[in-house]
Protein backbone atom coordinates (compact mmCIF):
# COMPACT_ATOMS: atom_id res chain seq x y z
CA MET A 1 47.82 130.79 142.97
CA THR A 2 48.59 128.49 140.22
CA TRP A 3 52.09 127.00 139.95
CA THR A 4 53.06 129.41 137.07
CA GLU A 5 51.84 132.38 139.32
CA TYR A 6 53.74 131.11 142.35
CA VAL A 7 56.92 130.73 140.40
CA PHE A 8 56.65 134.40 139.25
CA ALA A 9 55.50 135.79 142.55
CA ARG A 10 58.48 134.25 144.38
CA ARG A 11 60.77 136.29 142.13
CA LEU A 12 58.61 139.52 141.69
CA GLY A 13 56.92 139.80 144.91
CA LYS A 14 53.43 139.41 143.49
CA ALA A 15 51.99 137.51 140.72
CA PRO A 16 51.74 139.38 137.37
CA SER A 17 48.83 138.89 134.96
CA PRO A 18 49.07 136.88 131.65
CA GLY A 19 50.45 139.17 128.95
CA ASP A 20 52.42 141.39 131.35
CA VAL A 21 56.07 142.10 130.32
CA VAL A 22 58.22 141.68 133.27
CA GLU A 23 62.05 141.82 133.77
CA LEU A 24 63.73 139.24 136.12
CA ALA A 25 67.28 137.68 136.73
CA PRO A 26 67.96 134.00 135.66
CA ASP A 27 68.93 131.37 138.16
CA LEU A 28 70.66 129.42 135.24
CA VAL A 29 71.83 130.22 131.72
CA GLY A 30 73.44 127.59 129.31
CA PHE A 31 74.51 127.00 125.77
CA HIS A 32 76.24 124.33 123.90
CA ASP A 33 78.68 123.86 121.09
CA LEU A 34 76.29 124.47 118.31
CA THR A 35 74.81 127.77 119.59
CA GLY A 36 77.74 128.65 121.83
CA TYR A 37 79.77 130.07 119.13
CA HIS A 38 76.98 132.70 118.17
CA VAL A 39 76.48 133.50 121.84
CA LEU A 40 80.12 134.32 122.23
CA GLU A 41 80.34 136.04 119.00
CA MET A 42 77.64 138.32 120.01
CA MET A 43 79.04 139.04 123.29
CA GLU A 44 82.36 139.93 121.73
CA LYS A 45 80.35 142.54 119.68
CA MET A 46 78.92 143.89 122.86
CA GLY A 47 82.31 144.59 124.20
CA GLY A 48 83.86 141.38 125.44
CA VAL A 49 82.85 138.06 126.93
CA LYS A 50 82.07 139.14 130.27
CA VAL A 51 79.45 137.10 132.50
CA PHE A 52 77.29 138.60 135.22
CA ASP A 53 77.71 135.46 137.41
CA VAL A 54 79.96 132.72 136.04
CA ASP A 55 78.61 130.27 138.54
CA LYS A 56 75.15 130.61 136.93
CA LEU A 57 76.36 129.54 133.64
CA VAL A 58 76.37 125.97 132.21
CA VAL A 59 78.18 125.06 129.01
CA ALA A 60 78.31 121.51 127.37
CA PHE A 61 79.67 120.08 124.24
CA ASP A 62 76.94 117.67 122.91
CA HIS A 63 75.48 118.58 119.45
CA LEU A 64 78.46 117.92 117.15
CA ALA A 65 80.45 116.02 119.69
CA PRO A 66 82.99 114.33 119.23
CA ALA A 67 83.87 116.91 116.46
CA PRO A 68 82.88 115.36 113.13
CA THR A 69 84.45 117.95 111.02
CA VAL A 70 87.28 120.42 111.13
CA ARG A 71 84.90 123.33 111.33
CA ALA A 72 83.12 121.74 114.38
CA ALA A 73 86.59 121.38 115.97
CA GLU A 74 87.45 124.99 115.41
CA ILE A 75 84.27 126.02 116.96
CA GLN A 76 84.92 123.90 120.03
CA VAL A 77 88.40 125.28 120.31
CA TYR A 78 87.01 128.92 120.01
CA ILE A 79 84.54 128.09 122.92
CA ARG A 80 87.12 126.36 125.15
CA ARG A 81 89.37 129.37 124.81
CA HIS A 82 86.65 131.60 126.12
CA VAL A 83 85.18 129.39 128.88
CA ARG A 84 88.70 129.13 130.29
CA SER A 85 89.23 132.95 130.30
CA ILE A 86 86.20 133.36 132.35
CA GLY A 87 87.07 130.65 134.77
CA LEU A 88 83.96 128.65 134.23
CA LYS A 89 83.61 125.62 136.53
CA ASN A 90 80.29 124.37 135.20
CA PHE A 91 81.83 123.28 131.66
CA HIS A 92 81.06 119.84 130.48
CA GLU A 93 83.29 118.50 127.78
CA VAL A 94 82.68 115.99 124.92
CA GLY A 95 81.29 112.78 126.41
CA GLU A 96 79.88 114.20 129.62
CA GLY A 97 76.46 114.42 128.46
CA ILE A 98 73.72 116.37 126.55
CA LEU A 99 73.09 119.77 128.10
CA HIS A 100 69.42 119.47 128.96
CA GLN A 101 70.11 116.16 130.72
CA LEU A 102 73.06 117.63 132.65
CA ILE A 103 70.90 120.63 133.69
CA LEU A 104 68.29 118.25 134.93
CA GLU A 105 70.81 115.94 136.81
CA LYS A 106 72.96 118.61 138.45
CA TYR A 107 71.61 122.19 138.43
CA ALA A 108 67.96 122.89 137.89
CA LEU A 109 65.59 123.14 140.98
CA PRO A 110 61.89 123.96 141.45
CA ALA A 111 60.73 127.47 141.01
CA GLN A 112 63.94 128.52 139.23
CA PHE A 113 64.20 130.24 136.07
CA VAL A 114 66.26 128.50 133.44
CA PHE A 115 67.20 129.70 130.09
CA ALA A 116 69.55 128.41 127.32
CA ALA A 117 70.32 128.74 123.74
CA ASP A 118 68.37 125.64 122.66
CA SER A 119 64.66 125.01 121.99
CA HIS A 120 64.48 122.06 124.36
CA THR A 121 65.63 123.85 127.46
CA ASN A 122 62.08 123.25 128.65
CA THR A 123 63.33 119.87 129.85
CA ALA A 124 64.10 121.32 133.31
CA GLY A 125 60.40 121.71 133.69
CA ALA A 126 60.31 118.31 134.94
CA VAL A 127 61.41 119.41 138.35
CA GLY A 128 59.27 122.29 138.32
CA ALA A 129 61.46 125.00 136.90
CA PHE A 130 60.27 127.62 134.54
CA ALA A 131 62.68 126.69 131.68
CA GLN A 132 62.66 128.25 128.15
CA GLY A 133 64.86 128.14 125.15
CA MET A 134 66.01 131.52 123.72
CA GLY A 135 67.98 132.62 120.71
CA ALA A 136 71.85 133.16 120.92
CA SER A 137 71.42 137.20 121.09
CA ASP A 138 69.02 137.02 123.93
CA ILE A 139 71.39 134.68 125.85
CA ALA A 140 74.36 136.80 125.23
CA ALA A 141 72.51 139.87 126.43
CA MET A 142 71.30 137.98 129.62
CA LEU A 143 74.76 136.81 130.29
CA ARG A 144 76.22 140.32 130.06
CA LEU A 145 73.31 142.23 131.88
CA GLY A 146 72.18 139.51 134.49
CA LYS A 147 68.53 139.95 133.55
CA THR A 148 66.05 139.23 130.82
CA TRP A 149 62.43 140.03 129.94
CA LEU A 150 59.45 137.90 129.43
CA VAL A 151 55.88 138.05 128.34
CA VAL A 152 53.85 136.24 131.26
CA PRO A 153 52.13 133.33 129.73
CA GLN A 154 48.61 132.09 130.46
CA PRO A 155 48.65 128.95 132.70
CA ILE A 156 46.75 125.83 131.99
CA LYS A 157 46.38 122.73 133.87
CA ILE A 158 47.15 119.26 132.82
CA GLU A 159 46.37 116.31 135.23
CA ILE A 160 48.06 112.97 134.59
CA ARG A 161 45.81 110.30 136.35
CA GLY A 162 46.26 106.73 136.92
CA SER A 163 49.16 104.30 136.23
CA PRO A 164 50.68 103.56 132.80
CA SER A 165 49.85 100.37 131.05
CA ALA A 166 52.49 98.08 129.55
CA ALA A 167 54.92 99.62 127.09
CA VAL A 168 53.28 103.16 127.83
CA THR A 169 55.70 105.91 128.82
CA GLY A 170 55.91 109.63 129.06
CA LYS A 171 56.65 109.69 125.34
CA ASP A 172 53.07 108.47 124.81
CA VAL A 173 51.63 111.11 127.09
CA VAL A 174 53.27 113.90 125.29
CA LEU A 175 52.31 112.47 121.81
CA HIS A 176 48.84 112.26 123.05
CA LEU A 177 48.90 115.85 124.06
CA LEU A 178 50.23 116.69 120.62
CA SER A 179 47.32 115.02 119.13
CA VAL A 180 44.96 117.05 121.25
CA TYR A 181 46.55 120.57 121.23
CA LYS A 182 48.46 120.02 117.92
CA ALA A 183 52.03 121.42 117.25
CA GLU A 184 52.50 124.97 118.49
CA GLY A 185 48.96 124.80 120.03
CA LEU A 186 50.13 126.07 123.32
CA ASN A 187 51.94 129.26 122.12
CA GLY A 188 51.67 131.84 124.82
CA ARG A 189 50.77 129.34 127.62
CA SER A 190 52.43 127.50 130.38
CA ALA A 191 51.21 124.07 131.40
CA ASP A 192 51.14 123.27 135.22
CA VAL A 193 51.18 119.47 135.33
CA TYR A 194 49.78 117.68 138.31
CA VAL A 195 50.46 113.98 138.89
CA GLU A 196 47.78 112.02 140.74
CA ARG A 197 50.26 109.00 141.56
CA PRO A 198 53.62 110.66 141.57
CA ARG A 199 55.71 107.31 141.96
CA ASP A 200 53.90 105.95 138.96
CA PHE A 201 55.01 108.67 136.75
CA PRO A 202 58.91 108.92 137.46
CA MET A 203 61.31 111.81 136.59
CA ASP A 204 62.43 110.08 133.23
CA TYR A 205 58.85 110.26 131.99
CA ARG A 206 58.45 113.84 133.30
CA ALA A 207 61.57 114.95 131.57
CA THR A 208 60.33 113.51 128.11
CA VAL A 209 56.90 115.29 128.54
CA ALA A 210 58.67 118.67 129.51
CA ASN A 211 61.21 118.20 126.62
CA MET A 212 58.56 117.90 123.90
CA SER A 213 56.56 120.60 125.39
CA THR A 214 58.64 122.68 122.83
CA GLU A 215 56.85 120.98 120.15
CA LEU A 216 53.42 121.94 121.62
CA GLY A 217 54.73 125.76 121.51
CA ALA A 218 54.53 125.93 125.33
CA ASP A 219 56.29 128.86 126.95
CA ALA A 220 57.11 126.37 129.57
CA LEU A 221 55.78 123.04 130.93
CA MET A 222 56.40 122.65 134.59
CA PHE A 223 55.49 119.39 136.95
CA VAL A 224 54.36 120.68 140.16
CA PRO A 225 56.80 119.50 142.70
CA ASP A 226 55.80 116.36 144.58
CA GLU A 227 57.17 113.29 146.58
CA GLU A 228 58.71 112.06 143.24
CA THR A 229 60.54 115.38 142.62
CA ARG A 230 61.82 115.41 146.29
CA ALA A 231 63.10 111.75 146.00
CA TYR A 232 64.77 112.55 142.52
CA LEU A 233 66.39 115.66 144.10
CA GLU A 234 67.65 114.00 147.27
CA ARG A 235 69.02 111.21 145.16
CA THR A 236 70.87 113.44 142.79
CA ARG A 237 71.71 116.54 144.82
CA GLY A 238 71.45 115.26 148.32
CA ALA A 239 68.63 117.43 149.21
CA ALA A 240 65.36 119.06 147.97
CA PRO A 241 64.31 122.68 148.72
CA HIS A 242 61.21 123.25 150.78
CA ILE A 243 58.40 124.39 148.71
CA ASP A 244 55.35 126.13 150.43
CA PHE A 245 52.81 125.94 147.56
CA LYS A 246 49.13 125.21 147.98
CA PRO A 247 47.16 125.12 144.64
CA SER A 248 44.15 127.34 144.57
CA GLY A 249 44.36 129.23 141.40
CA LYS A 250 42.01 129.25 138.27
CA TYR A 251 43.37 127.98 134.96
CA ALA A 252 42.11 129.14 131.53
CA ASP A 253 42.03 125.46 130.32
CA GLU A 254 42.32 121.94 132.08
CA TYR A 255 43.01 118.64 130.64
CA ALA A 256 43.25 115.19 132.10
CA VAL A 257 45.36 112.45 130.74
CA GLU A 258 44.06 108.88 131.53
CA LEU A 259 47.18 106.58 131.58
CA GLU A 260 45.29 103.50 131.62
CA ARG A 261 43.56 104.45 128.44
CA LEU A 262 46.90 105.22 126.51
CA GLU A 263 48.55 102.70 124.13
CA PRO A 264 51.88 102.90 122.48
CA LEU A 265 51.66 105.90 120.06
CA VAL A 266 53.91 106.96 116.99
CA ALA A 267 54.09 110.22 115.40
CA ALA A 268 54.46 109.52 111.58
CA PRO A 269 56.15 111.84 109.08
CA HIS A 270 56.55 114.65 108.78
CA SER A 271 54.91 116.23 111.60
CA VAL A 272 55.14 115.68 115.58
CA ASP A 273 51.27 115.88 115.71
CA ASN A 274 50.71 113.26 113.09
CA VAL A 275 49.98 110.94 115.94
CA LYS A 276 48.70 107.38 115.39
CA PRO A 277 48.36 104.30 117.61
CA VAL A 278 51.37 101.84 116.78
CA SER A 279 48.80 99.46 115.46
CA GLU A 280 47.91 101.94 112.49
CA VAL A 281 51.50 101.83 111.25
CA GLU A 282 52.52 98.10 111.92
CA GLY A 283 54.44 96.75 109.06
CA VAL A 284 56.49 99.74 107.91
CA GLU A 285 60.06 98.62 107.03
CA VAL A 286 62.57 100.25 109.04
CA ASP A 287 66.22 100.86 107.91
CA GLN A 288 67.57 102.52 111.25
CA VAL A 289 66.43 102.84 114.81
CA PHE A 290 67.84 105.62 117.22
CA ILE A 291 67.33 105.32 121.00
CA GLY A 292 68.63 108.11 122.82
CA SER A 293 68.49 111.97 122.69
CA CYS A 294 67.64 114.71 125.27
CA THR A 295 64.10 113.30 124.89
CA ASN A 296 64.55 109.74 125.58
CA GLY A 297 68.14 108.99 126.53
CA ARG A 298 67.59 108.08 130.29
CA LEU A 299 68.08 104.98 132.30
CA SER A 300 64.46 103.84 131.98
CA ASP A 301 64.78 104.05 128.04
CA ILE A 302 67.84 102.04 127.85
CA GLU A 303 66.18 99.42 130.17
CA ALA A 304 63.09 99.30 128.04
CA ALA A 305 65.29 98.77 124.89
CA ALA A 306 67.21 96.02 126.53
CA ARG A 307 64.10 94.24 127.63
CA ILE A 308 62.94 93.91 124.05
CA LEU A 309 66.52 93.44 122.38
CA LYS A 310 67.49 90.62 124.75
CA ARG A 311 65.33 88.45 122.55
CA GLY A 312 67.66 88.60 119.69
CA ARG A 313 69.76 90.46 117.14
CA ALA A 314 68.56 93.46 115.64
CA ARG A 315 67.47 93.44 112.05
CA ALA A 316 67.65 97.17 111.39
CA ARG A 317 70.69 99.29 112.29
CA CYS A 318 70.35 100.40 115.82
CA ILE A 319 72.11 103.24 117.57
CA ALA A 320 71.76 103.76 121.26
CA VAL A 321 72.79 107.02 123.04
CA PRO A 322 72.38 107.59 126.81
CA ALA A 323 71.90 111.11 127.55
CA SER A 324 74.95 111.49 129.68
CA TYR A 325 77.96 109.72 131.08
CA ALA A 326 76.24 108.95 134.39
CA VAL A 327 73.34 107.36 132.65
CA PHE A 328 75.73 105.38 130.51
CA ARG A 329 77.60 104.14 133.48
CA GLN A 330 74.33 103.03 135.20
CA ALA A 331 73.23 101.19 132.13
CA LEU A 332 76.63 99.55 131.89
CA GLU A 333 76.63 98.39 135.45
CA ALA A 334 72.92 97.16 135.04
CA GLY A 335 73.97 95.07 132.15
CA TYR A 336 71.83 96.94 129.49
CA VAL A 337 74.93 98.02 127.37
CA ASP A 338 75.88 94.36 127.15
CA VAL A 339 72.42 93.31 125.94
CA LEU A 340 72.36 96.08 123.35
CA THR A 341 75.73 95.39 121.86
CA LYS A 342 74.97 91.69 121.69
CA ALA A 343 71.98 92.47 119.85
CA GLY A 344 74.06 94.46 117.25
CA CYS A 345 73.39 98.03 118.54
CA VAL A 346 75.99 100.73 118.36
CA VAL A 347 76.28 102.34 121.85
CA THR A 348 77.83 105.64 122.70
CA TYR A 349 76.72 108.50 125.07
CA GLY A 350 76.62 112.21 125.27
CA THR A 351 75.90 113.37 121.71
CA CYS A 352 73.01 114.77 119.82
CA GLY A 353 74.39 113.67 116.45
CA PRO A 354 71.81 111.31 115.21
CA CYS A 355 68.94 113.51 116.34
CA ILE A 356 69.87 116.55 114.24
CA GLY A 357 71.39 114.49 111.37
CA GLY A 358 74.73 115.93 112.22
CA HIS A 359 76.70 112.54 112.54
CA PHE A 360 76.83 109.19 114.08
CA GLY A 361 73.89 107.95 112.14
CA VAL A 362 72.67 110.36 109.23
CA LEU A 363 70.03 108.74 107.23
CA GLY A 364 70.49 108.24 103.39
CA PRO A 365 68.10 108.81 100.40
CA GLY A 366 64.71 107.07 100.96
CA GLU A 367 65.59 105.54 104.31
CA VAL A 368 63.09 105.14 107.19
CA ALA A 369 63.94 105.61 110.79
CA VAL A 370 62.25 104.99 114.20
CA SER A 371 63.50 107.62 116.67
CA THR A 372 62.93 108.29 120.19
CA SER A 373 64.01 111.83 119.74
CA ASN A 374 61.79 114.92 119.59
CA ARG A 375 61.22 116.02 115.87
CA ASN A 376 60.41 114.16 112.81
CA PHE A 377 60.54 117.02 110.16
CA LEU A 378 61.39 116.57 106.60
CA GLY A 379 65.18 116.01 106.42
CA ARG A 380 65.69 116.30 110.18
CA MET A 381 67.98 113.05 110.45
CA GLY A 382 69.44 113.21 107.01
CA ALA A 383 68.33 112.94 103.29
CA ASN A 384 65.56 115.25 102.38
CA ASP A 385 63.32 112.21 101.22
CA SER A 386 64.01 110.01 104.48
CA LYS A 387 61.34 109.52 106.89
CA VAL A 388 61.22 109.59 110.63
CA TYR A 389 58.60 108.06 112.96
CA LEU A 390 58.86 109.19 116.76
CA ALA A 391 58.10 106.64 119.15
CA ASN A 392 59.10 105.49 122.85
CA ALA A 393 61.96 103.15 123.47
CA TYR A 394 59.82 99.85 123.57
CA THR A 395 58.44 100.52 120.16
CA ALA A 396 61.95 101.61 118.83
CA ALA A 397 63.53 98.57 120.21
CA ALA A 398 60.84 96.25 118.90
CA ALA A 399 61.27 97.97 115.32
CA ALA A 400 65.07 97.28 115.61
CA LEU A 401 64.30 93.74 116.48
CA GLU A 402 62.08 92.96 113.75
CA GLY A 403 63.04 95.42 110.98
CA LYS A 404 59.73 96.81 110.81
CA ILE A 405 57.19 98.75 113.04
CA VAL A 406 55.37 96.41 115.37
CA ASP A 407 53.38 96.70 118.48
CA PRO A 408 55.99 96.14 121.40
CA ARG A 409 53.46 94.80 123.96
CA LYS A 410 53.78 91.27 122.47
CA TYR A 411 57.21 91.25 123.95
CA LEU A 412 56.42 92.17 127.42
């Protein structure tokens, strides 16, 4: 079987065919402050906030956290009241981290079905979970009923071969895939990703690729578990489940990414698939740099930024947001936070504010940003005439250092 078929067969007893409509129970369900209000409101309309299994629910305050407005604070008060009433243990307060990062760090396992009221739930595919974002009403119904329905996707195979060159990370892999398949190009498909050299493509990189599979339109993107998966789960959970999977299935499409051939890439405004080598956009003046988000707020991203920014003081405004408290603590202990703050960066943790143009770094009229986040749509990070270039942490940090887009490899 393919990995996608294997994951469904474990739950259903047999592998369904692409296009089949199946009903299944979730292993994990989540929401955050921005969507949680709508989930709970819908559940109240269904007769009350009653959860099929409270241990399978994860809630995190991350999008408008800390609350920047009275309305945001009111919503958080409303959600706190409900999570306390059901005795929720898996509740993560302001500052603990971004929902997707917390699910990856603490909860998701290979071959699980993970759903949350946010489009970037796909991030958990980094450990081989079938993870998918859904709307608030779908999540509300799932929490009440303990089941949901899916249209079985058509699996495709992606191979990641070789070892990455200097300043090339998981962000460049997913931007490359966007240049090949284009935005929404994998609608109705799931991508099974096989890594030729597992230790050369670590979990941080995998999480970035899985996260931005949303931009590809994939129903899910799952890294087939390997030695890197086991090492990560043993490090973060103390143990890794045994998976008895031997790939033998046929795929509708196959594509190989040759890491040695990649260079740092950038998605120029205003589309995620407007992908260019960094050399083609060098010299673009930059007002603000954002290093963080559920896409690139992991330790390797903060380390990459520190490697560049240790060379001097940033000329562009720079905001760095490790994706969780745990990542922040690791970065602090490693000295990366000290490097970033000495370079003039504002550092916090566990908020989505800059990514969504919500707070903590909203762009003004005509401003240009380089961001390690996942979307560069018109008005995404602030004013409607602002511009966002998506890049990896090396490229973003180099742009902060020089106040313009440059090739980061000259600093390595």
